[in-house]
Amino acid sequence: GMEYSIDYAELDHLLRRVGAHWGAGQAHGLLCGQLAAEGHAAKRAWLNSVLDGTDDNNALRGEAESVLEGLFDYTFRQLSARQSAFQPLLPDEADSVEDRVEGLAHWCEGFLHGLVTSAAAQAHKEQLAAEPLSEVIKDLLQMTQAAADPDEDEDTNESAYTELVEYVRVATQLVYEEMAQFRQPAPKAEKMH
């Protein structure tokens, strides 16, 4: 069928309009961190985090929830399929490189938050403090501070950004793989309730 796609700006706008405290990139980073740590079981907790403080009576709340559910399912499939189709949700190519680097920094922030605040991470501190995860976490922590260099030309910043995105893409998949042994397997049939 049609390739699923989610528009960063649309989701960001929707989250803002329902009064969420999370932007689109940060929410997707959070999702990937929680998926790495907890797998499919993270769904409810993630939705609750992202929609925390929003008004149940807001007409857009249901729409936001269903868009987020779609994003959850899609991202889960991407990471669990291990076909490296995974992409972090980031501002559009048309946005300035400054905005995109900032978006990437926020994404990394969300990811680390999801990873290290999870119950699984608490239980597996030694693994997170050991190679290769410790190195990746250190790099991503640095990237939460990333900013485009005002003294560099557009092309230099552009290619630096492209490299950072590629690093994050691969790092996320690595963390997901490394954490696999601690996750609960996804339920085979969800109709058992």
Protein backbone atom coordinates (compact mmCIF):
# COMPACT_ATOMS: atom_id res chain seq x y z
CA GLY A 1 0.00 0.00 0.00
CA MET A 2 0.94 3.65 0.24
CA GLU A 3 4.16 4.44 2.05
CA TYR A 4 3.23 5.83 5.47
CA SER A 5 4.55 9.28 6.07
CA ILE A 6 4.10 11.74 8.85
CA ASP A 7 4.70 15.42 8.42
CA TYR A 8 6.93 16.90 11.14
CA ALA A 9 5.46 20.40 10.89
CA GLU A 10 1.87 19.15 10.92
CA LEU A 11 2.44 16.99 13.97
CA ASP A 12 4.35 19.77 15.71
CA HIS A 13 1.50 22.19 15.04
CA LEU A 14 -1.11 19.68 16.19
CA LEU A 15 0.77 19.00 19.45
CA ARG A 16 1.04 22.72 20.09
CA ARG A 17 -2.66 23.24 19.43
CA VAL A 18 -3.69 20.56 21.94
CA GLY A 19 -1.35 22.10 24.52
CA ALA A 20 1.26 19.33 24.64
CA HIS A 21 4.66 20.15 26.15
CA TRP A 22 6.47 17.98 23.60
CA GLY A 23 7.36 19.04 20.09
CA ALA A 24 7.19 16.51 17.24
CA GLY A 25 10.91 15.69 17.12
CA GLN A 26 11.27 15.46 20.88
CA ALA A 27 8.20 13.21 21.06
CA HIS A 28 9.62 10.90 18.40
CA GLY A 29 12.98 10.78 20.15
CA LEU A 30 11.17 9.91 23.37
CA LEU A 31 9.30 7.18 21.51
CA CYS A 32 12.49 5.62 20.15
CA GLY A 33 14.18 5.70 23.54
CA GLN A 34 11.18 4.08 25.20
CA LEU A 35 10.89 1.49 22.41
CA ALA A 36 14.55 0.56 22.85
CA ALA A 37 14.05 0.15 26.57
CA GLU A 38 10.59 -1.38 26.77
CA GLY A 39 9.52 -2.43 23.31
CA HIS A 40 5.87 -2.44 22.29
CA ALA A 41 4.77 -2.25 25.93
CA ALA A 42 5.82 1.41 25.99
CA LYS A 43 2.82 2.53 23.95
CA ARG A 44 0.46 3.70 26.68
CA ALA A 45 3.17 5.33 28.78
CA TRP A 46 4.50 7.17 25.75
CA LEU A 47 1.08 8.48 24.71
CA ASN A 48 0.44 9.58 28.28
CA SER A 49 3.78 11.41 28.44
CA VAL A 50 3.31 13.25 25.18
CA LEU A 51 -0.30 14.21 25.89
CA ASP A 52 0.33 14.97 29.56
CA GLY A 53 -1.38 18.19 30.60
CA THR A 54 -3.53 18.43 27.47
CA ASP A 55 -7.25 19.01 27.78
CA ASP A 56 -9.49 15.97 27.26
CA ASN A 57 -12.19 18.29 25.96
CA ASN A 58 -10.00 19.74 23.24
CA ALA A 59 -11.60 18.70 19.94
CA LEU A 60 -8.15 17.98 18.49
CA ARG A 61 -7.10 15.71 21.34
CA GLY A 62 -8.54 12.59 19.69
CA GLU A 63 -6.91 13.49 16.39
CA ALA A 64 -3.56 14.00 18.10
CA GLU A 65 -3.88 10.67 19.84
CA SER A 66 -4.64 8.81 16.62
CA VAL A 67 -1.76 10.47 14.74
CA LEU A 68 0.56 9.54 17.62
CA GLU A 69 -0.71 5.96 17.62
CA GLY A 70 0.03 5.77 13.92
CA LEU A 71 3.52 7.12 14.52
CA PHE A 72 4.07 4.61 17.33
CA ASP A 73 3.04 1.62 15.22
CA TYR A 74 5.04 2.77 12.22
CA THR A 75 8.20 3.44 14.26
CA PHE A 76 7.86 0.15 16.10
CA ARG A 77 7.64 -1.67 12.77
CA GLN A 78 10.65 0.22 11.42
CA LEU A 79 12.86 -0.55 14.40
CA SER A 80 11.75 -4.14 14.88
CA ALA A 81 12.03 -5.02 11.17
CA ARG A 82 15.78 -4.27 11.37
CA GLN A 83 15.85 -3.25 7.72
CA SER A 84 17.46 0.09 8.47
CA ALA A 85 14.54 1.97 6.93
CA PHE A 86 14.37 3.86 10.21
CA GLN A 87 14.46 7.67 10.10
CA PRO A 88 14.28 10.12 12.99
CA LEU A 89 11.34 12.52 12.61
CA LEU A 90 12.95 15.89 11.90
CA PRO A 91 12.12 19.27 10.36
CA ASP A 92 11.62 19.40 6.62
CA GLU A 93 14.47 19.89 4.13
CA ALA A 94 12.94 23.26 3.32
CA ASP A 95 13.60 24.53 6.85
CA SER A 96 16.81 26.39 7.59
CA VAL A 97 19.81 24.32 8.61
CA GLU A 98 19.73 26.14 11.98
CA ASP A 99 16.19 24.92 12.63
CA ARG A 100 17.05 21.42 11.52
CA VAL A 101 20.10 21.17 13.76
CA GLU A 102 18.00 22.45 16.65
CA GLY A 103 15.34 19.87 15.78
CA LEU A 104 17.95 17.14 15.87
CA ALA A 105 19.21 18.35 19.26
CA HIS A 106 15.63 18.16 20.61
CA TRP A 107 15.21 14.70 19.10
CA CYS A 108 18.33 13.48 20.92
CA GLU A 109 17.06 15.03 24.15
CA GLY A 110 13.80 13.12 23.85
CA PHE A 111 15.59 9.90 22.99
CA LEU A 112 17.92 10.03 25.98
CA HIS A 113 15.03 10.93 28.26
CA GLY A 114 13.01 7.94 27.03
CA LEU A 115 15.96 5.61 27.32
CA VAL A 116 17.37 6.52 30.72
CA THR A 117 14.15 7.25 32.62
CA SER A 118 12.62 3.90 31.68
CA ALA A 119 12.31 1.10 34.22
CA ALA A 120 14.40 -1.11 31.95
CA ALA A 121 17.26 1.39 31.95
CA GLN A 122 17.15 1.62 35.74
CA ALA A 123 17.42 -2.14 35.89
CA HIS A 124 20.26 -2.31 33.38
CA LYS A 125 22.49 0.58 34.41
CA GLU A 126 25.64 -1.53 33.97
CA GLN A 127 24.88 -2.17 30.30
CA LEU A 128 24.19 1.50 29.68
CA ALA A 129 27.47 2.37 31.36
CA ALA A 130 29.44 -0.13 29.26
CA GLU A 131 30.51 -0.16 25.61
CA PRO A 132 29.03 0.28 23.10
CA LEU A 133 26.07 2.01 24.73
CA SER A 134 28.05 4.35 26.98
CA GLU A 135 29.85 5.80 23.98
CA VAL A 136 26.65 6.30 21.98
CA ILE A 137 24.89 7.90 24.95
CA LYS A 138 27.82 10.26 25.46
CA ASP A 139 27.72 11.26 21.78
CA LEU A 140 23.97 11.82 21.83
CA LEU A 141 24.29 13.86 25.00
CA GLN A 142 26.75 16.13 23.19
CA MET A 143 24.32 16.38 20.31
CA THR A 144 21.61 17.79 22.56
CA GLN A 145 23.82 20.90 22.54
CA ALA A 146 24.34 20.91 18.76
CA ALA A 147 23.92 24.17 16.87
CA ALA A 148 24.75 25.21 13.32
CA ASP A 149 28.05 27.12 13.17
CA PRO A 150 27.30 30.76 12.29
CA ASP A 151 30.84 31.19 10.94
CA GLU A 152 30.52 28.37 8.44
CA ASP A 153 28.89 28.53 5.03
CA GLU A 154 25.58 26.83 4.29
CA ASP A 155 27.15 23.84 2.53
CA THR A 156 29.49 23.05 5.42
CA ASN A 157 26.66 23.21 7.95
CA GLU A 158 24.46 21.24 5.59
CA SER A 159 26.90 18.35 5.25
CA ALA A 160 27.68 18.40 8.98
CA TYR A 161 23.94 18.12 9.64
CA THR A 162 23.58 15.23 7.19
CA GLU A 163 26.37 13.35 8.97
CA LEU A 164 24.79 13.94 12.38
CA VAL A 165 21.43 12.65 11.18
CA GLU A 166 23.07 9.53 9.77
CA TYR A 167 24.89 9.00 13.06
CA VAL A 168 21.64 9.32 15.03
CA ARG A 169 19.83 6.99 12.64
CA VAL A 170 22.43 4.25 13.04
CA ALA A 171 22.92 4.88 16.77
CA THR A 172 19.20 4.51 17.44
CA GLN A 173 19.14 1.15 15.69
CA LEU A 174 22.24 0.05 17.58
CA VAL A 175 20.72 0.98 20.94
CA TYR A 176 17.50 -0.79 19.97
CA GLU A 177 19.47 -3.96 19.15
CA GLU A 178 21.64 -3.77 22.25
CA MET A 179 18.61 -3.41 24.51
CA ALA A 180 16.72 -6.29 22.87
CA GLN A 181 17.70 -8.81 25.55
CA PHE A 182 16.00 -6.73 28.27
CA ARG A 183 12.71 -6.11 26.51
CA GLN A 184 9.51 -8.05 26.91
CA PRO A 185 8.56 -9.62 23.57
CA ALA A 186 5.59 -7.99 21.86
CA PRO A 187 2.27 -9.69 22.60
CA LYS A 188 1.39 -12.22 19.89
CA ALA A 189 -2.33 -11.55 20.02
CA GLU A 190 -3.77 -8.43 21.53
CA LYS A 191 -7.31 -9.83 21.52
CA MET A 192 -6.83 -11.69 24.80
CA HIS A 193 -8.20 -8.92 27.06
